[in-house]
Amino acid sequence: MSATSWILPSISDEQSARKASRQGVWACGFVTLSTTLLVVLSHLGWSPHQVSLWALLDAVIFAGVGWGIYRVSRVAAIGGLLLFVLEKVSLWIDNGIPPNALSLAVVLAFINAIRGTVAFHGYAVRSESPENGRPRVSSEAHNDGSPIENEEYSCGACGSRVVLGNTTCHSCGEHLEFT
């Protein structure tokens, strides 16, 4: 593993995808702690910038986003990147403070979190699917192997109930094969 492998980590399985997504957790932790520290320093008079107590809400939001990324949420990873970039653009426009190298590192961490969470869910679906990539619907069958009519089954991809005869899960849109 090279010293720069954190910049664009290789993702080849669920474990490496989860590891790449953890960069977003660290980014959220950094944003949460640095924002909290700036608020405290500002109110003690030790900061050149006045930071509102409302910034603590920002810290709480990033803590929640970090928890979501820890749980491998694609929405949290994308939301974290968008929120961070919007805040940096706003800071630049309102106060004339341009993004620095540390901000770019945080953006890269969020990008890797998105890569990791998306890949993780791709690997998770494939590991639950049979060899052809389609989820199977498990069911009891007659002695000749044909499914029992008018019974409900569970989708192999999302677990939703599926009625025999449907070839597509109404919840996740996956093509189904009855076994």
Foldseek 3Di string as FASTA:
>chain_A
DDPCCLLPPDDDALVSLLVLLLLLLVLLVVQLVVLVVVQVCLVVVNDPDRDDPCSNVVSVLSNVLSVCLNVLHLVSLVVSLVVLVVVQVCCCVVPVDHDDPVSVSSNSSSVSSNSSSVVNLVNVQQVQPPPVSAWEWEADPDPVRHGDAQDWTATSRPGDIDHPPDQADPPPGTGYDYD
